[in-house]
Each structure stands twice: as structure tokens, then as C-alpha cells.
Amino acid sequence: LNAKTSPFLTGGLQFTRISGQNGNRTHPTWGAHL
């Protein structure tokens, strides 16, 4: 983190809420990213 330019690796959980017309909404049972 002290470098002028430094790469990093990231990973974790996420949860997307999708909203559309007529009040339609949905979301995943689970989600993760890398």
C-alpha cells in the first residue's frame, strides 16, 4: 500500500437488488465477487 503504484486482489460478498416497472423487485439468494 506504500508503493507509488501497487496492484491489489479483492473478494467478498454482494447482494444485488433489481428494481423495474410496476414495482417489480427481485434479489439473489446469494452472491460473491472476485
ModelCIF file with pLDDT and N, C-alpha, C, O atoms, coordinates in Angstrom:
data_MODEL
#
_entry.id   MODEL 
#
_entity.id                         1 
_entity.type                       polymer 
_entity.pdbx_number_of_molecules   1 
#
_entity_poly.entity_id                      1 
_entity_poly.type                           'polypeptide(L)' 
_entity_poly.nstd_linkage                   no 
_entity_poly.nstd_monomer                   no 
_entity_poly.pdbx_seq_one_letter_code       LNAKTSPFLTGGLQFTRISGQNGNRTHPTWGAHL 
_entity_poly.pdbx_seq_one_letter_code_can   LNAKTSPFLTGGLQFTRISGQNGNRTHPTWGAHL 
_entity_poly.pdbx_strand_id                 A 
#
loop_
_entity_poly_seq.entity_id 
_entity_poly_seq.num 
_entity_poly_seq.mon_id 
_entity_poly_seq.hetero 
1 1  LEU n 
1 2  ASN n 
1 3  ALA n 
1 4  LYS n 
1 5  THR n 
1 6  SER n 
1 7  PRO n 
1 8  PHE n 
1 9  LEU n 
1 10 THR n 
1 11 GLY n 
1 12 GLY n 
1 13 LEU n 
1 14 GLN n 
1 15 PHE n 
1 16 THR n 
1 17 ARG n 
1 18 ILE n 
1 19 SER n 
1 20 GLY n 
1 21 GLN n 
1 22 ASN n 
1 23 GLY n 
1 24 ASN n 
1 25 ARG n 
1 26 THR n 
1 27 HIS n 
1 28 PRO n 
1 29 THR n 
1 30 TRP n 
1 31 GLY n 
1 32 ALA n 
1 33 HIS n 
1 34 LEU n 
#
_struct_asym.id          A 
_struct_asym.entity_id   1 
#
loop_
_ma_qa_metric.id 
_ma_qa_metric.mode 
_ma_qa_metric.name 
_ma_qa_metric.software_group_id 
_ma_qa_metric.type 
1 global pLDDT . pLDDT 
2 local  pLDDT . pLDDT 
#
_ma_qa_metric_global.metric_id      1 
_ma_qa_metric_global.metric_value   90.41 
_ma_qa_metric_global.model_id       1 
_ma_qa_metric_global.ordinal_id     1 
#
loop_
_ma_qa_metric_local.label_asym_id 
_ma_qa_metric_local.label_comp_id 
_ma_qa_metric_local.label_seq_id 
_ma_qa_metric_local.metric_id 
_ma_qa_metric_local.metric_value 
_ma_qa_metric_local.model_id 
_ma_qa_metric_local.ordinal_id 
A LEU 1  2 86.00 1 1  
A ASN 2  2 79.00 1 2  
A ALA 3  2 81.00 1 3  
A LYS 4  2 84.00 1 4  
A THR 5  2 89.00 1 5  
A SER 6  2 90.00 1 6  
A PRO 7  2 95.00 1 7  
A PHE 8  2 96.00 1 8  
A LEU 9  2 96.00 1 9  
A THR 10 2 96.00 1 10 
A GLY 11 2 96.00 1 11 
A GLY 12 2 96.00 1 12 
A LEU 13 2 96.00 1 13 
A GLN 14 2 95.00 1 14 
A PHE 15 2 92.00 1 15 
A THR 16 2 93.00 1 16 
A ARG 17 2 93.00 1 17 
A ILE 18 2 92.00 1 18 
A SER 19 2 92.00 1 19 
A GLY 20 2 88.00 1 20 
A GLN 21 2 82.00 1 21 
A ASN 22 2 79.00 1 22 
A GLY 23 2 84.00 1 23 
A ASN 24 2 88.00 1 24 
A ARG 25 2 90.00 1 25 
A THR 26 2 90.00 1 26 
A HIS 27 2 89.00 1 27 
A PRO 28 2 91.00 1 28 
A THR 29 2 87.00 1 29 
A TRP 30 2 88.00 1 30 
A GLY 31 2 94.00 1 31 
A ALA 32 2 95.00 1 32 
A HIS 33 2 96.00 1 33 
A LEU 34 2 96.00 1 34 
#
loop_
_atom_site.group_PDB 
_atom_site.id 
_atom_site.type_symbol 
_atom_site.label_atom_id 
_atom_site.label_alt_id 
_atom_site.label_comp_id 
_atom_site.label_asym_id 
_atom_site.label_entity_id 
_atom_site.label_seq_id 
_atom_site.pdbx_PDB_ins_code 
_atom_site.Cartn_x 
_atom_site.Cartn_y 
_atom_site.Cartn_z 
_atom_site.occupancy 
_atom_site.B_iso_or_equiv 
_atom_site.pdbx_formal_charge 
_atom_site.auth_seq_id 
_atom_site.auth_comp_id 
_atom_site.auth_asym_id 
_atom_site.auth_atom_id 
_atom_site.pdbx_PDB_model_num 
ATOM 1   N N  . LEU A 1 1  ? 0.814   -1.211  0.000   1.00 86.00 ? 1  LEU A N  1 
ATOM 2   C CA . LEU A 1 1  ? 0.000   0.000   0.000   1.00 86.00 ? 1  LEU A CA 1 
ATOM 3   C C  . LEU A 1 1  ? 0.849   1.263   0.000   1.00 86.00 ? 1  LEU A C  1 
ATOM 4   O O  . LEU A 1 1  ? 0.356   2.337   -0.344  1.00 86.00 ? 1  LEU A O  1 
ATOM 5   N N  . ASN A 1 2  ? 2.114   1.151   0.379   1.00 79.00 ? 2  ASN A N  1 
ATOM 6   C CA . ASN A 1 2  ? 3.003   2.319   0.394   1.00 79.00 ? 2  ASN A CA 1 
ATOM 7   C C  . ASN A 1 2  ? 3.675   2.564   -0.949  1.00 79.00 ? 2  ASN A C  1 
ATOM 8   O O  . ASN A 1 2  ? 4.417   3.534   -1.103  1.00 79.00 ? 2  ASN A O  1 
ATOM 9   N N  . ALA A 1 3  ? 3.423   1.693   -1.920  1.00 81.00 ? 3  ALA A N  1 
ATOM 10  C CA . ALA A 1 3  ? 4.083   1.837   -3.214  1.00 81.00 ? 3  ALA A CA 1 
ATOM 11  C C  . ALA A 1 3  ? 3.445   2.952   -4.025  1.00 81.00 ? 3  ALA A C  1 
ATOM 12  O O  . ALA A 1 3  ? 2.273   3.279   -3.840  1.00 81.00 ? 3  ALA A O  1 
ATOM 13  N N  . LYS A 1 4  ? 4.220   3.526   -4.913  1.00 84.00 ? 4  LYS A N  1 
ATOM 14  C CA . LYS A 1 4  ? 3.700   4.546   -5.824  1.00 84.00 ? 4  LYS A CA 1 
ATOM 15  C C  . LYS A 1 4  ? 2.563   3.975   -6.657  1.00 84.00 ? 4  LYS A C  1 
ATOM 16  O O  . LYS A 1 4  ? 1.523   4.613   -6.825  1.00 84.00 ? 4  LYS A O  1 
ATOM 17  N N  . THR A 1 5  ? 2.763   2.780   -7.172  1.00 89.00 ? 5  THR A N  1 
ATOM 18  C CA . THR A 1 5  ? 1.732   2.058   -7.920  1.00 89.00 ? 5  THR A CA 1 
ATOM 19  C C  . THR A 1 5  ? 1.717   0.634   -7.428  1.00 89.00 ? 5  THR A C  1 
ATOM 20  O O  . THR A 1 5  ? 2.758   -0.022  -7.408  1.00 89.00 ? 5  THR A O  1 
ATOM 21  N N  . SER A 1 6  ? 0.564   0.139   -7.031  1.00 90.00 ? 6  SER A N  1 
ATOM 22  C CA . SER A 1 6  ? 0.520   -1.190  -6.462  1.00 90.00 ? 6  SER A CA 1 
ATOM 23  C C  . SER A 1 6  ? -0.780  -1.897  -6.804  1.00 90.00 ? 6  SER A C  1 
ATOM 24  O O  . SER A 1 6  ? -1.857  -1.319  -6.660  1.00 90.00 ? 6  SER A O  1 
ATOM 25  N N  . PRO A 1 7  ? -0.689  -3.154  -7.261  1.00 95.00 ? 7  PRO A N  1 
ATOM 26  C CA . PRO A 1 7  ? -1.886  -3.942  -7.546  1.00 95.00 ? 7  PRO A CA 1 
ATOM 27  C C  . PRO A 1 7  ? -2.523  -4.467  -6.262  1.00 95.00 ? 7  PRO A C  1 
ATOM 28  O O  . PRO A 1 7  ? -1.885  -4.513  -5.210  1.00 95.00 ? 7  PRO A O  1 
ATOM 29  N N  . PHE A 1 8  ? -3.784  -4.858  -6.366  1.00 96.00 ? 8  PHE A N  1 
ATOM 30  C CA . PHE A 1 8  ? -4.453  -5.491  -5.233  1.00 96.00 ? 8  PHE A CA 1 
ATOM 31  C C  . PHE A 1 8  ? -5.442  -6.536  -5.732  1.00 96.00 ? 8  PHE A C  1 
ATOM 32  O O  . PHE A 1 8  ? -5.910  -6.493  -6.870  1.00 96.00 ? 8  PHE A O  1 
ATOM 33  N N  . LEU A 1 9  ? -5.740  -7.468  -4.850  1.00 96.00 ? 9  LEU A N  1 
ATOM 34  C CA . LEU A 1 9  ? -6.718  -8.525  -5.090  1.00 96.00 ? 9  LEU A CA 1 
ATOM 35  C C  . LEU A 1 9  ? -7.861  -8.320  -4.113  1.00 96.00 ? 9  LEU A C  1 
ATOM 36  O O  . LEU A 1 9  ? -7.632  -8.087  -2.926  1.00 96.00 ? 9  LEU A O  1 
ATOM 37  N N  . THR A 1 10 ? -9.092  -8.405  -4.605  1.00 96.00 ? 10 THR A N  1 
ATOM 38  C CA . THR A 1 10 ? -10.245 -8.188  -3.741  1.00 96.00 ? 10 THR A CA 1 
ATOM 39  C C  . THR A 1 10 ? -11.271 -9.294  -3.937  1.00 96.00 ? 10 THR A C  1 
ATOM 40  O O  . THR A 1 10 ? -11.423 -9.824  -5.037  1.00 96.00 ? 10 THR A O  1 
ATOM 41  N N  . GLY A 1 11 ? -11.963 -9.633  -2.883  1.00 96.00 ? 11 GLY A N  1 
ATOM 42  C CA . GLY A 1 11 ? -13.001 -10.648 -2.953  1.00 96.00 ? 11 GLY A CA 1 
ATOM 43  C C  . GLY A 1 11 ? -13.942 -10.523 -1.777  1.00 96.00 ? 11 GLY A C  1 
ATOM 44  O O  . GLY A 1 11 ? -13.538 -10.108 -0.691  1.00 96.00 ? 11 GLY A O  1 
ATOM 45  N N  . GLY A 1 12 ? -15.208 -10.883 -1.990  1.00 96.00 ? 12 GLY A N  1 
ATOM 46  C CA . GLY A 1 12 ? -16.164 -10.795 -0.889  1.00 96.00 ? 12 GLY A CA 1 
ATOM 47  C C  . GLY A 1 12 ? -17.568 -11.150 -1.334  1.00 96.00 ? 12 GLY A C  1 
ATOM 48  O O  . GLY A 1 12 ? -17.763 -11.813 -2.352  1.00 96.00 ? 12 GLY A O  1 
ATOM 49  N N  . LEU A 1 13 ? -18.536 -10.704 -0.564  1.00 96.00 ? 13 LEU A N  1 
ATOM 50  C CA . LEU A 1 13 ? -19.942 -10.995 -0.797  1.00 96.00 ? 13 LEU A CA 1 
ATOM 51  C C  . LEU A 1 13 ? -20.658 -9.765  -1.316  1.00 96.00 ? 13 LEU A C  1 
ATOM 52  O O  . LEU A 1 13 ? -20.255 -8.634  -1.042  1.00 96.00 ? 13 LEU A O  1 
ATOM 53  N N  . GLN A 1 14 ? -21.733 -9.996  -2.073  1.00 95.00 ? 14 GLN A N  1 
ATOM 54  C CA . GLN A 1 14 ? -22.555 -8.896  -2.552  1.00 95.00 ? 14 GLN A CA 1 
ATOM 55  C C  . GLN A 1 14 ? -24.001 -9.368  -2.708  1.00 95.00 ? 14 GLN A C  1 
ATOM 56  O O  . GLN A 1 14 ? -24.293 -10.564 -2.709  1.00 95.00 ? 14 GLN A O  1 
ATOM 57  N N  . PHE A 1 15 ? -24.888 -8.391  -2.838  1.00 92.00 ? 15 PHE A N  1 
ATOM 58  C CA . PHE A 1 15 ? -26.326 -8.691  -2.842  1.00 92.00 ? 15 PHE A CA 1 
ATOM 59  C C  . PHE A 1 15 ? -27.018 -7.635  -3.692  1.00 92.00 ? 15 PHE A C  1 
ATOM 60  O O  . PHE A 1 15 ? -27.264 -6.522  -3.227  1.00 92.00 ? 15 PHE A O  1 
ATOM 61  N N  . THR A 1 16 ? -27.336 -7.987  -4.955  1.00 93.00 ? 16 THR A N  1 
ATOM 62  C CA . THR A 1 16 ? -27.903 -7.022  -5.892  1.00 93.00 ? 16 THR A CA 1 
ATOM 63  C C  . THR A 1 16 ? -29.427 -6.990  -5.793  1.00 93.00 ? 16 THR A C  1 
ATOM 64  O O  . THR A 1 16 ? -30.088 -8.023  -5.896  1.00 93.00 ? 16 THR A O  1 
ATOM 65  N N  . ARG A 1 17 ? -29.961 -5.817  -5.595  1.00 93.00 ? 17 ARG A N  1 
ATOM 66  C CA . ARG A 1 17 ? -31.409 -5.639  -5.625  1.00 93.00 ? 17 ARG A CA 1 
ATOM 67  C C  . ARG A 1 17 ? -31.786 -5.015  -6.959  1.00 93.00 ? 17 ARG A C  1 
ATOM 68  O O  . ARG A 1 17 ? -31.303 -3.939  -7.315  1.00 93.00 ? 17 ARG A O  1 
ATOM 69  N N  . ILE A 1 18 ? -32.672 -5.715  -7.707  1.00 92.00 ? 18 ILE A N  1 
ATOM 70  C CA . ILE A 1 18 ? -33.080 -5.270  -9.032  1.00 92.00 ? 18 ILE A CA 1 
ATOM 71  C C  . ILE A 1 18 ? -34.496 -4.710  -8.950  1.00 92.00 ? 18 ILE A C  1 
ATOM 72  O O  . ILE A 1 18 ? -35.407 -5.365  -8.442  1.00 92.00 ? 18 ILE A O  1 
ATOM 73  N N  . SER A 1 19 ? -34.668 -3.492  -9.458  1.00 92.00 ? 19 SER A N  1 
ATOM 74  C CA . SER A 1 19 ? -35.976 -2.831  -9.440  1.00 92.00 ? 19 SER A CA 1 
ATOM 75  C C  . SER A 1 19 ? -36.357 -2.456  -10.860 1.00 92.00 ? 19 SER A C  1 
ATOM 76  O O  . SER A 1 19 ? -35.533 -1.943  -11.618 1.00 92.00 ? 19 SER A O  1 
ATOM 77  N N  . GLY A 1 20 ? -37.646 -2.720  -11.228 1.00 88.00 ? 20 GLY A N  1 
ATOM 78  C CA . GLY A 1 20 ? -38.122 -2.396  -12.558 1.00 88.00 ? 20 GLY A CA 1 
ATOM 79  C C  . GLY A 1 20 ? -39.490 -1.759  -12.537 1.00 88.00 ? 20 GLY A C  1 
ATOM 80  O O  . GLY A 1 20 ? -39.890 -1.181  -11.527 1.00 88.00 ? 20 GLY A O  1 
ATOM 81  N N  . GLN A 1 21 ? -40.212 -1.854  -13.636 1.00 82.00 ? 21 GLN A N  1 
ATOM 82  C CA . GLN A 1 21 ? -41.528 -1.227  -13.767 1.00 82.00 ? 21 GLN A CA 1 
ATOM 83  C C  . GLN A 1 21 ? -42.553 -1.925  -12.866 1.00 82.00 ? 21 GLN A C  1 
ATOM 84  O O  . GLN A 1 21 ? -42.351 -3.053  -12.417 1.00 82.00 ? 21 GLN A O  1 
ATOM 85  N N  . ASN A 1 22 ? -43.642 -1.226  -12.621 1.00 79.00 ? 22 ASN A N  1 
ATOM 86  C CA . ASN A 1 22 ? -44.763 -1.758  -11.839 1.00 79.00 ? 22 ASN A CA 1 
ATOM 87  C C  . ASN A 1 22 ? -44.339 -2.226  -10.449 1.00 79.00 ? 22 ASN A C  1 
ATOM 88  O O  . ASN A 1 22 ? -44.977 -3.101  -9.863  1.00 79.00 ? 22 ASN A O  1 
ATOM 89  N N  . GLY A 1 23 ? -43.274 -1.650  -9.928  1.00 84.00 ? 23 GLY A N  1 
ATOM 90  C CA . GLY A 1 23 ? -42.830 -2.025  -8.591  1.00 84.00 ? 23 GLY A CA 1 
ATOM 91  C C  . GLY A 1 23 ? -42.188 -3.396  -8.515  1.00 84.00 ? 23 GLY A C  1 
ATOM 92  O O  . GLY A 1 23 ? -42.018 -3.917  -7.412  1.00 84.00 ? 23 GLY A O  1 
ATOM 93  N N  . ASN A 1 24 ? -41.822 -4.006  -9.638  1.00 88.00 ? 24 ASN A N  1 
ATOM 94  C CA . ASN A 1 24 ? -41.186 -5.328  -9.623  1.00 88.00 ? 24 ASN A CA 1 
ATOM 95  C C  . ASN A 1 24 ? -39.796 -5.242  -9.000  1.00 88.00 ? 24 ASN A C  1 
ATOM 96  O O  . ASN A 1 24 ? -39.001 -4.358  -9.320  1.00 88.00 ? 24 ASN A O  1 
ATOM 97  N N  . ARG A 1 25 ? -39.531 -6.174  -8.115  1.00 90.00 ? 25 ARG A N  1 
ATOM 98  C CA . ARG A 1 25 ? -38.226 -6.230  -7.453  1.00 90.00 ? 25 ARG A CA 1 
ATOM 99  C C  . ARG A 1 25 ? -37.810 -7.676  -7.272  1.00 90.00 ? 25 ARG A C  1 
ATOM 100 O O  . ARG A 1 25 ? -38.645 -8.566  -7.108  1.00 90.00 ? 25 ARG A O  1 
ATOM 101 N N  . THR A 1 26 ? -36.537 -7.890  -7.302  1.00 90.00 ? 26 THR A N  1 
ATOM 102 C CA . THR A 1 26 ? -36.000 -9.222  -7.030  1.00 90.00 ? 26 THR A CA 1 
ATOM 103 C C  . THR A 1 26 ? -34.579 -9.076  -6.506  1.00 90.00 ? 26 THR A C  1 
ATOM 104 O O  . THR A 1 26 ? -33.981 -8.002  -6.583  1.00 90.00 ? 26 THR A O  1 
ATOM 105 N N  . HIS A 1 27 ? -34.059 -10.152 -5.984  1.00 89.00 ? 27 HIS A N  1 
ATOM 106 C CA . HIS A 1 27 ? -32.690 -10.161 -5.476  1.00 89.00 ? 27 HIS A CA 1 
ATOM 107 C C  . HIS A 1 27 ? -32.179 -11.595 -5.491  1.00 89.00 ? 27 HIS A C  1 
ATOM 108 O O  . HIS A 1 27 ? -32.973 -12.533 -5.551  1.00 89.00 ? 27 HIS A O  1 
ATOM 109 N N  . PRO A 1 28 ? -30.863 -11.776 -5.436  1.00 91.00 ? 28 PRO A N  1 
ATOM 110 C CA . PRO A 1 28 ? -30.315 -13.128 -5.478  1.00 91.00 ? 28 PRO A CA 1 
ATOM 111 C C  . PRO A 1 28 ? -30.428 -13.828 -4.132  1.00 91.00 ? 28 PRO A C  1 
ATOM 112 O O  . PRO A 1 28 ? -30.565 -13.193 -3.086  1.00 91.00 ? 28 PRO A O  1 
ATOM 113 N N  . THR A 1 29 ? -30.368 -15.152 -4.190  1.00 87.00 ? 29 THR A N  1 
ATOM 114 C CA . THR A 1 29 ? -30.277 -15.925 -2.948  1.00 87.00 ? 29 THR A CA 1 
ATOM 115 C C  . THR A 1 29 ? -28.909 -15.702 -2.304  1.00 87.00 ? 29 THR A C  1 
ATOM 116 O O  . THR A 1 29 ? -28.799 -15.605 -1.081  1.00 87.00 ? 29 THR A O  1 
ATOM 117 N N  . TRP A 1 30 ? -27.882 -15.624 -3.124  1.00 88.00 ? 30 TRP A N  1 
ATOM 118 C CA . TRP A 1 30 ? -26.544 -15.305 -2.626  1.00 88.00 ? 30 TRP A CA 1 
ATOM 119 C C  . TRP A 1 30 ? -25.722 -14.729 -3.781  1.00 88.00 ? 30 TRP A C  1 
ATOM 120 O O  . TRP A 1 30 ? -26.084 -14.870 -4.949  1.00 88.00 ? 30 TRP A O  1 
ATOM 121 N N  . GLY A 1 31 ? -24.638 -14.095 -3.442  1.00 94.00 ? 31 GLY A N  1 
ATOM 122 C CA . GLY A 1 31 ? -23.750 -13.546 -4.459  1.00 94.00 ? 31 GLY A CA 1 
ATOM 123 C C  . GLY A 1 31 ? -22.349 -13.335 -3.902  1.00 94.00 ? 31 GLY A C  1 
ATOM 124 O O  . GLY A 1 31 ? -22.189 -13.041 -2.718  1.00 94.00 ? 31 GLY A O  1 
ATOM 125 N N  . ALA A 1 32 ? -21.349 -13.479 -4.736  1.00 95.00 ? 32 ALA A N  1 
ATOM 126 C CA . ALA A 1 32 ? -19.952 -13.274 -4.346  1.00 95.00 ? 32 ALA A CA 1 
ATOM 127 C C  . ALA A 1 32 ? -19.192 -12.700 -5.540  1.00 95.00 ? 32 ALA A C  1 
ATOM 128 O O  . ALA A 1 32 ? -19.619 -12.836 -6.687  1.00 95.00 ? 32 ALA A O  1 
ATOM 129 N N  . HIS A 1 33 ? -18.067 -12.062 -5.255  1.00 96.00 ? 33 HIS A N  1 
ATOM 130 C CA . HIS A 1 33 ? -17.269 -11.485 -6.326  1.00 96.00 ? 33 HIS A CA 1 
ATOM 131 C C  . HIS A 1 33 ? -15.787 -11.670 -6.065  1.00 96.00 ? 33 HIS A C  1 
ATOM 132 O O  . HIS A 1 33 ? -15.362 -11.861 -4.926  1.00 96.00 ? 33 HIS A O  1 
ATOM 133 N N  . LEU A 1 34 ? -15.002 -11.610 -7.136  1.00 96.00 ? 34 LEU A N  1 
ATOM 134 C CA . LEU A 1 34 ? -13.549 -11.681 -7.075  1.00 96.00 ? 34 LEU A CA 1 
ATOM 135 C C  . LEU A 1 34 ? -12.996 -10.755 -8.145  1.00 96.00 ? 34 LEU A C  1 
ATOM 136 O O  . LEU A 1 34 ? -11.779 -10.640 -8.294  1.00 96.00 ? 34 LEU A O  1 
#
